[in-house]
């Protein structure tokens, strides 16, 4: 019986997350939402929040998130550079 209650609760929370992400993406964009989720997941793992086992911090995770951010900036054309006039 408790499994059924948890399943219903999980379904409701996933539905709320989908609605929240849709509303946030209208204003912020998919890429920023993805980057934020990855950074928060890194913090949760590193500090062992919510009673989870602490995962040691690894530099390759920061490098990966940094490359993702640089890629988004390039894709969104937000990096300062000189535009050639035609």
Protein backbone atom coordinates (compact mmCIF):
# COMPACT_ATOMS: atom_id res chain seq x y z
CA UNK A 1 0.00 0.00 0.00
CA UNK A 2 2.80 2.43 0.85
CA UNK A 3 4.40 1.70 -2.53
CA UNK A 4 1.23 2.86 -4.27
CA UNK A 5 1.21 6.09 -2.26
CA UNK A 6 4.86 6.76 -3.14
CA UNK A 7 4.16 6.02 -6.83
CA UNK A 8 1.28 8.50 -6.91
CA UNK A 9 3.34 11.12 -5.08
CA UNK A 10 6.27 10.63 -7.47
CA UNK A 11 3.96 10.97 -10.48
CA UNK A 12 2.51 14.20 -9.11
CA UNK A 13 5.96 15.65 -8.42
CA UNK A 14 7.22 14.73 -11.90
CA UNK A 15 4.16 16.41 -13.41
CA UNK A 16 4.87 19.56 -11.40
CA UNK A 17 8.50 19.51 -12.53
CA UNK A 18 7.43 19.26 -16.17
CA UNK A 19 5.09 22.23 -15.79
CA UNK A 20 7.73 24.24 -13.92
CA UNK A 21 10.41 23.49 -16.53
CA UNK A 22 8.08 24.48 -19.36
CA UNK A 23 7.35 27.84 -17.71
CA UNK A 24 11.00 28.48 -16.84
CA UNK A 25 12.16 27.60 -20.37
CA UNK A 26 9.87 30.26 -21.82
CA UNK A 27 11.90 32.93 -20.04
CA UNK A 28 15.36 31.47 -19.53
CA UNK A 29 15.84 28.85 -22.19
CA UNK A 30 16.58 25.15 -22.32
CA UNK A 31 20.35 25.49 -22.11
CA UNK A 32 20.40 27.55 -18.94
CA UNK A 33 17.95 25.16 -17.30
CA UNK A 34 20.17 22.19 -18.23
CA UNK A 35 23.34 23.88 -16.97
CA UNK A 36 21.65 24.83 -13.69
CA UNK A 37 20.42 21.27 -13.15
CA UNK A 38 23.94 19.91 -13.73
CA UNK A 39 25.51 22.41 -11.31
CA UNK A 40 22.91 21.65 -8.62
CA UNK A 41 23.43 17.90 -9.14
CA UNK A 42 27.18 18.42 -8.71
CA UNK A 43 26.58 20.30 -5.43
CA UNK A 44 24.18 17.62 -4.15
CA UNK A 45 26.70 14.86 -4.94
CA UNK A 46 29.71 16.71 -3.57
CA UNK A 47 28.15 17.77 -0.27
CA UNK A 48 26.00 14.65 0.22
CA UNK A 49 22.78 16.60 0.56
CA UNK A 50 19.43 14.86 1.20
CA UNK A 51 21.21 12.07 3.06
CA UNK A 52 23.06 10.82 -0.01
CA UNK A 53 26.56 9.42 0.10
CA UNK A 54 29.19 12.09 -0.59
CA UNK A 55 30.89 11.73 -3.95
CA UNK A 56 34.43 13.13 -4.02
CA UNK A 57 34.84 16.28 -6.09
CA UNK A 58 36.57 15.64 -9.41
CA UNK A 59 38.04 18.34 -11.59
CA UNK A 60 36.74 16.71 -14.78
CA UNK A 61 33.17 17.51 -13.68
CA UNK A 62 33.95 21.23 -13.47
CA UNK A 63 35.78 21.08 -16.81
CA UNK A 64 32.75 19.40 -18.38
CA UNK A 65 30.33 22.00 -17.03
CA UNK A 66 32.70 24.77 -18.12
CA UNK A 67 32.86 23.36 -21.66
CA UNK A 68 29.08 23.14 -21.72
CA UNK A 69 28.77 26.79 -20.68
CA UNK A 70 31.33 27.89 -23.30
CA UNK A 71 29.48 25.89 -25.94
CA UNK A 72 26.19 27.56 -25.05
CA UNK A 73 27.81 31.01 -25.16
CA UNK A 74 29.23 30.27 -28.61
CA UNK A 75 25.93 28.81 -29.81
CA UNK A 76 23.96 31.77 -28.47
CA UNK A 77 26.55 34.18 -29.93
CA UNK A 78 27.09 35.85 -26.57
CA UNK A 79 30.89 35.95 -26.56
CA UNK A 80 32.36 39.33 -27.50
CA UNK A 81 34.03 39.27 -30.89
CA UNK A 82 34.40 41.55 -33.85
CA UNK A 83 31.79 41.10 -36.52
CA UNK A 84 32.95 41.63 -40.04
CA UNK A 85 30.96 44.17 -41.95
CA UNK A 86 30.10 43.30 -45.51
